[in-house]
Amino acid sequence: MIEAKELRQALSNFATGITIVTTQDDRQQPIGVTASSFNSVSLTPPLVLWSIAKSAYSYASFAQAEHFAVHVLGADQAALSDRFARASTDKFAGLDTARGVGDVPLLHGCLAHFECATEHRYEGGDHMIIVGRVLKLSLAERQCDPLLFFKGRYATLDGSDQAA
């Protein structure tokens, strides 16, 4: 039997980009979570997926959300990633945001964001896999390396670690 700790250690050898996924709850309050489980699914139709732990504070909101936005973070946005990785109720305090498709909150300054309608939800063990149809996207005008996660830490394209 494969132990969870061993699996996590092996998976940490796969570098991933870091995103923040946002939606709103049933009271129209902004909700967001840091996620490294973002992937493209299909170009035609335009589909992406991500997954959320069933134990996550915001799980219920994402499990019911009709729309969400995925924000791709730049290397200079580790503090924003940390902010949305914590379990708290007001991650948006003091942030300047816009509203996107389905009235979901959009964060400024990200490398790209994908505004999606929830297309499918799948059980995935201790996670739910959420597939979204991309309805709108935007690319940043600024040039910046992506924020990466590798071996349990933030990393850069040049291989140097950033403090996590």
C-alpha atoms as a PDB file:
ATOM      1  CA  MET A   1       0.000   0.000   0.000  1.00  0.00           C
ATOM      2  CA  ILE A   2       1.280   3.450  -0.869  1.00  0.00           C
ATOM      3  CA  GLU A   3       1.413   5.817   2.079  1.00  0.00           C
ATOM      4  CA  ALA A   4       0.084   9.376   1.594  1.00  0.00           C
ATOM      5  CA  LYS A   5       3.368  10.896   2.815  1.00  0.00           C
ATOM      6  CA  GLU A   6       5.387   8.833   0.302  1.00  0.00           C
ATOM      7  CA  LEU A   7       3.031   9.745  -2.549  1.00  0.00           C
ATOM      8  CA  ARG A   8       3.200  13.442  -1.652  1.00  0.00           C
ATOM      9  CA  GLN A   9       7.020  13.286  -1.574  1.00  0.00           C
ATOM     10  CA  ALA A  10       7.156  11.637  -5.017  1.00  0.00           C
ATOM     11  CA  LEU A  11       4.628  14.102  -6.471  1.00  0.00           C
ATOM     12  CA  SER A  12       6.696  17.026  -5.158  1.00  0.00           C
ATOM     13  CA  ASN A  13       9.241  16.222  -7.881  1.00  0.00           C
ATOM     14  CA  PHE A  14       6.750  17.476 -10.477  1.00  0.00           C
ATOM     15  CA  ALA A  15       6.958  21.276 -10.727  1.00  0.00           C
ATOM     16  CA  THR A  16       3.601  23.006 -11.060  1.00  0.00           C
ATOM     17  CA  GLY A  17       2.421  26.523 -11.605  1.00  0.00           C
ATOM     18  CA  ILE A  18       0.442  28.277  -8.903  1.00  0.00           C
ATOM     19  CA  THR A  19      -3.051  29.675  -9.387  1.00  0.00           C
ATOM     20  CA  ILE A  20      -5.747  31.281  -7.316  1.00  0.00           C
ATOM     21  CA  VAL A  21      -9.288  30.157  -8.080  1.00  0.00           C
ATOM     22  CA  THR A  22     -12.134  32.507  -7.153  1.00  0.00           C
ATOM     23  CA  THR A  23     -15.919  32.381  -7.019  1.00  0.00           C
ATOM     24  CA  GLN A  24     -18.620  33.718  -4.755  1.00  0.00           C
ATOM     25  CA  ASP A  25     -20.562  31.940  -2.045  1.00  0.00           C
ATOM     26  CA  ASP A  26     -24.331  31.653  -1.702  1.00  0.00           C
ATOM     27  CA  ARG A  27     -24.392  35.106  -0.038  1.00  0.00           C
ATOM     28  CA  GLN A  28     -22.482  36.627  -3.000  1.00  0.00           C
ATOM     29  CA  GLN A  29     -19.338  37.023  -0.901  1.00  0.00           C
ATOM     30  CA  PRO A  30     -15.978  36.528  -2.656  1.00  0.00           C
ATOM     31  CA  ILE A  31     -14.249  33.179  -2.108  1.00  0.00           C
ATOM     32  CA  GLY A  32     -10.761  32.191  -3.212  1.00  0.00           C
ATOM     33  CA  VAL A  33      -8.200  29.434  -2.792  1.00  0.00           C
ATOM     34  CA  THR A  34      -4.629  28.775  -3.932  1.00  0.00           C
ATOM     35  CA  ALA A  35      -4.404  25.753  -6.239  1.00  0.00           C
ATOM     36  CA  SER A  36      -1.581  24.030  -8.099  1.00  0.00           C
ATOM     37  CA  SER A  37      -3.901  21.425  -9.618  1.00  0.00           C
ATOM     38  CA  PHE A  38      -4.749  23.440 -12.736  1.00  0.00           C
ATOM     39  CA  ASN A  39      -4.615  21.814 -16.206  1.00  0.00           C
ATOM     40  CA  SER A  40      -5.895  22.269 -19.715  1.00  0.00           C
ATOM     41  CA  VAL A  41      -8.366  19.611 -20.863  1.00  0.00           C
ATOM     42  CA  SER A  42      -9.435  20.593 -24.370  1.00  0.00           C
ATOM     43  CA  LEU A  43      -8.929  23.386 -26.883  1.00  0.00           C
ATOM     44  CA  THR A  44     -12.221  22.670 -28.678  1.00  0.00           C
ATOM     45  CA  PRO A  45     -14.297  23.195 -26.681  1.00  0.00           C
ATOM     46  CA  PRO A  46     -12.074  25.291 -24.383  1.00  0.00           C
ATOM     47  CA  LEU A  47     -12.000  23.311 -21.120  1.00  0.00           C
ATOM     48  CA  VAL A  48      -9.746  23.488 -18.055  1.00  0.00           C
ATOM     49  CA  LEU A  49      -9.779  21.617 -14.765  1.00  0.00           C
ATOM     50  CA  TRP A  50      -8.611  21.999 -11.200  1.00  0.00           C
ATOM     51  CA  SER A  51      -9.298  20.174  -7.969  1.00  0.00           C
ATOM     52  CA  ILE A  52     -10.148  21.169  -4.431  1.00  0.00           C
ATOM     53  CA  ALA A  53      -9.763  19.175  -1.224  1.00  0.00           C
ATOM     54  CA  LYS A  54     -13.059  18.164   0.330  1.00  0.00           C
ATOM     55  CA  SER A  55     -11.606  19.373   3.647  1.00  0.00           C
ATOM     56  CA  ALA A  56     -10.998  22.907   2.303  1.00  0.00           C
ATOM     57  CA  TYR A  57     -12.796  25.768   4.046  1.00  0.00           C
ATOM     58  CA  SER A  58     -14.220  26.924   0.700  1.00  0.00           C
ATOM     59  CA  TYR A  59     -15.126  23.448  -0.625  1.00  0.00           C
ATOM     60  CA  ALA A  60     -18.907  23.883  -0.288  1.00  0.00           C
ATOM     61  CA  SER A  61     -18.869  27.142  -2.246  1.00  0.00           C
ATOM     62  CA  PHE A  62     -16.865  25.689  -5.141  1.00  0.00           C
ATOM     63  CA  ALA A  63     -18.916  22.467  -5.101  1.00  0.00           C
ATOM     64  CA  GLN A  64     -22.016  24.565  -5.860  1.00  0.00           C
ATOM     65  CA  ALA A  65     -20.543  27.397  -7.943  1.00  0.00           C
ATOM     66  CA  GLU A  66     -21.831  27.875 -11.475  1.00  0.00           C
ATOM     67  CA  HIS A  67     -18.832  30.079 -12.392  1.00  0.00           C
ATOM     68  CA  PHE A  68     -15.234  30.453 -11.275  1.00  0.00           C
ATOM     69  CA  ALA A  69     -12.058  32.215 -12.390  1.00  0.00           C
ATOM     70  CA  VAL A  70      -8.525  30.807 -12.439  1.00  0.00           C
ATOM     71  CA  HIS A  71      -5.687  33.332 -11.995  1.00  0.00           C
ATOM     72  CA  VAL A  72      -2.145  32.320 -13.060  1.00  0.00           C
ATOM     73  CA  LEU A  73       0.370  33.872 -10.662  1.00  0.00           C
ATOM     74  CA  GLY A  74       3.697  35.491 -11.485  1.00  0.00           C
ATOM     75  CA  ALA A  75       6.947  34.847  -9.614  1.00  0.00           C
ATOM     76  CA  ASP A  76       6.462  38.117  -7.710  1.00  0.00           C
ATOM     77  CA  GLN A  77       3.098  36.998  -6.266  1.00  0.00           C
ATOM     78  CA  ALA A  78       4.156  34.473  -3.604  1.00  0.00           C
ATOM     79  CA  ALA A  79       2.605  36.631  -0.853  1.00  0.00           C
ATOM     80  CA  LEU A  80      -0.740  36.585  -2.693  1.00  0.00           C
ATOM     81  CA  SER A  81      -0.487  32.800  -3.030  1.00  0.00           C
ATOM     82  CA  ASP A  82       0.216  32.504   0.714  1.00  0.00           C
ATOM     83  CA  ARG A  83      -2.742  34.751   1.523  1.00  0.00           C
ATOM     84  CA  PHE A  84      -5.195  32.558  -0.422  1.00  0.00           C
ATOM     85  CA  ALA A  85      -3.638  29.312   0.858  1.00  0.00           C
ATOM     86  CA  ARG A  86      -4.727  30.093   4.428  1.00  0.00           C
ATOM     87  CA  ALA A  87      -8.126  29.065   5.770  1.00  0.00           C
ATOM     88  CA  SER A  88      -9.797  32.364   6.559  1.00  0.00           C
ATOM     89  CA  THR A  89     -12.991  34.170   5.801  1.00  0.00           C
ATOM     90  CA  ASP A  90     -11.751  37.491   4.367  1.00  0.00           C
ATOM     91  CA  LYS A  91      -8.879  36.847   1.980  1.00  0.00           C
ATOM     92  CA  PHE A  92     -10.015  39.784  -0.188  1.00  0.00           C
ATOM     93  CA  ALA A  93      -9.695  42.474   2.527  1.00  0.00           C
ATOM     94  CA  GLY A  94      -7.867  45.456   1.077  1.00  0.00           C
ATOM     95  CA  LEU A  95      -7.544  43.982  -2.428  1.00  0.00           C
ATOM     96  CA  ASP A  96      -8.700  45.872  -5.491  1.00  0.00           C
ATOM     97  CA  THR A  97     -10.786  43.442  -7.541  1.00  0.00           C
ATOM     98  CA  ALA A  98     -13.040  43.523 -10.585  1.00  0.00           C
ATOM     99  CA  ARG A  99     -16.047  41.348 -11.368  1.00  0.00           C
ATOM    100  CA  GLY A 100     -16.054  38.801 -14.179  1.00  0.00           C
ATOM    101  CA  VAL A 101     -18.442  36.353 -15.802  1.00  0.00           C
ATOM    102  CA  GLY A 102     -20.993  35.153 -13.257  1.00  0.00           C
ATOM    103  CA  ASP A 103     -19.970  38.066 -11.018  1.00  0.00           C
ATOM    104  CA  VAL A 104     -16.897  36.183  -9.754  1.00  0.00           C
ATOM    105  CA  PRO A 105     -14.065  38.274  -8.303  1.00  0.00           C
ATOM    106  CA  LEU A 106     -11.073  38.927 -10.566  1.00  0.00           C
ATOM    107  CA  LEU A 107      -7.642  39.706  -9.144  1.00  0.00           C
ATOM    108  CA  HIS A 108      -5.490  42.332 -10.831  1.00  0.00           C
ATOM    109  CA  GLY A 109      -1.865  41.817 -11.871  1.00  0.00           C
ATOM    110  CA  CYS A 110      -1.943  38.076 -12.622  1.00  0.00           C
ATOM    111  CA  LEU A 111      -0.225  36.652 -15.713  1.00  0.00           C
ATOM    112  CA  ALA A 112      -3.522  35.330 -17.062  1.00  0.00           C
ATOM    113  CA  HIS A 113      -7.004  34.601 -15.900  1.00  0.00           C
ATOM    114  CA  PHE A 114      -9.643  32.235 -17.210  1.00  0.00           C
ATOM    115  CA  GLU A 115     -13.305  32.990 -16.533  1.00  0.00           C
ATOM    116  CA  CYS A 116     -15.241  29.725 -16.588  1.00  0.00           C
ATOM    117  CA  ALA A 117     -18.681  28.174 -16.334  1.00  0.00           C
ATOM    118  CA  THR A 118     -18.669  24.926 -14.375  1.00  0.00           C
ATOM    119  CA  GLU A 119     -19.134  22.122 -16.908  1.00  0.00           C
ATOM    120  CA  HIS A 120     -18.540  18.954 -14.813  1.00  0.00           C
ATOM    121  CA  ARG A 121     -17.724  17.868 -11.277  1.00  0.00           C
ATOM    122  CA  TYR A 122     -16.111  14.507 -10.549  1.00  0.00           C
ATOM    123  CA  GLU A 123     -15.332  12.667  -7.343  1.00  0.00           C
ATOM    124  CA  GLY A 124     -11.581  12.259  -6.974  1.00  0.00           C
ATOM    125  CA  GLY A 125     -10.925  10.552  -3.645  1.00  0.00           C
ATOM    126  CA  ASP A 126     -10.386  13.263  -1.050  1.00  0.00           C
ATOM    127  CA  HIS A 127     -10.770  15.952  -3.744  1.00  0.00           C
ATOM    128  CA  MET A 128     -13.427  17.119  -6.178  1.00  0.00           C
ATOM    129  CA  ILE A 129     -12.288  17.651  -9.766  1.00  0.00           C
ATOM    130  CA  ILE A 130     -13.970  20.651 -11.363  1.00  0.00           C
ATOM    131  CA  VAL A 131     -14.002  21.094 -15.141  1.00  0.00           C
ATOM    132  CA  GLY A 132     -14.809  24.527 -16.492  1.00  0.00           C
ATOM    133  CA  ARG A 133     -15.639  25.853 -19.936  1.00  0.00           C
ATOM    134  CA  VAL A 134     -13.534  28.940 -20.583  1.00  0.00           C
ATOM    135  CA  LEU A 135     -15.894  31.767 -21.518  1.00  0.00           C
ATOM    136  CA  LYS A 136     -13.384  34.608 -21.377  1.00  0.00           C
ATOM    137  CA  LEU A 137      -9.660  34.968 -20.795  1.00  0.00           C
ATOM    138  CA  SER A 138      -7.134  37.697 -20.394  1.00  0.00           C
ATOM    139  CA  LEU A 139      -3.348  37.867 -20.614  1.00  0.00           C
ATOM    140  CA  ALA A 140      -1.187  40.313 -18.684  1.00  0.00           C
ATOM    141  CA  GLU A 141       0.726  42.949 -20.566  1.00  0.00           C
ATOM    142  CA  ARG A 142       3.606  42.704 -18.097  1.00  0.00           C
ATOM    143  CA  GLN A 143       6.429  40.233 -18.609  1.00  0.00           C
ATOM    144  CA  CYS A 144       7.174  38.043 -15.619  1.00  0.00           C
ATOM    145  CA  ASP A 145       8.235  34.471 -14.910  1.00  0.00           C
ATOM    146  CA  PRO A 146       5.537  32.204 -13.430  1.00  0.00           C
ATOM    147  CA  LEU A 147       5.281  31.315  -9.760  1.00  0.00           C
ATOM    148  CA  LEU A 148       6.236  27.639  -9.466  1.00  0.00           C
ATOM    149  CA  PHE A 149       5.960  25.048  -6.705  1.00  0.00           C
ATOM    150  CA  PHE A 150       8.611  22.316  -6.500  1.00  0.00           C
ATOM    151  CA  LYS A 151       9.598  19.988  -3.646  1.00  0.00           C
ATOM    152  CA  GLY A 152       7.315  21.742  -1.188  1.00  0.00           C
ATOM    153  CA  ARG A 153       8.627  25.263  -1.894  1.00  0.00           C
ATOM    154  CA  TYR A 154       8.191  28.103  -4.307  1.00  0.00           C
ATOM    155  CA  ALA A 155      10.758  27.942  -7.093  1.00  0.00           C
ATOM    156  CA  THR A 156      11.863  29.937 -10.118  1.00  0.00           C
ATOM    157  CA  LEU A 157      12.660  29.008 -13.695  1.00  0.00           C
ATOM    158  CA  ASP A 158      16.367  29.435 -12.995  1.00  0.00           C
ATOM    159  CA  GLY A 159      16.153  26.753 -10.296  1.00  0.00           C
ATOM    160  CA  SER A 160      16.599  28.969  -7.248  1.00  0.00           C
ATOM    161  CA  ASP A 161      14.220  28.482  -4.332  1.00  0.00           C
ATOM    162  CA  GLN A 162      12.045  31.181  -2.879  1.00  0.00           C
ATOM    163  CA  ALA A 163      11.087  31.152   0.774  1.00  0.00           C
ATOM    164  CA  ALA A 164       7.709  29.489   1.233  1.00  0.00           C
END
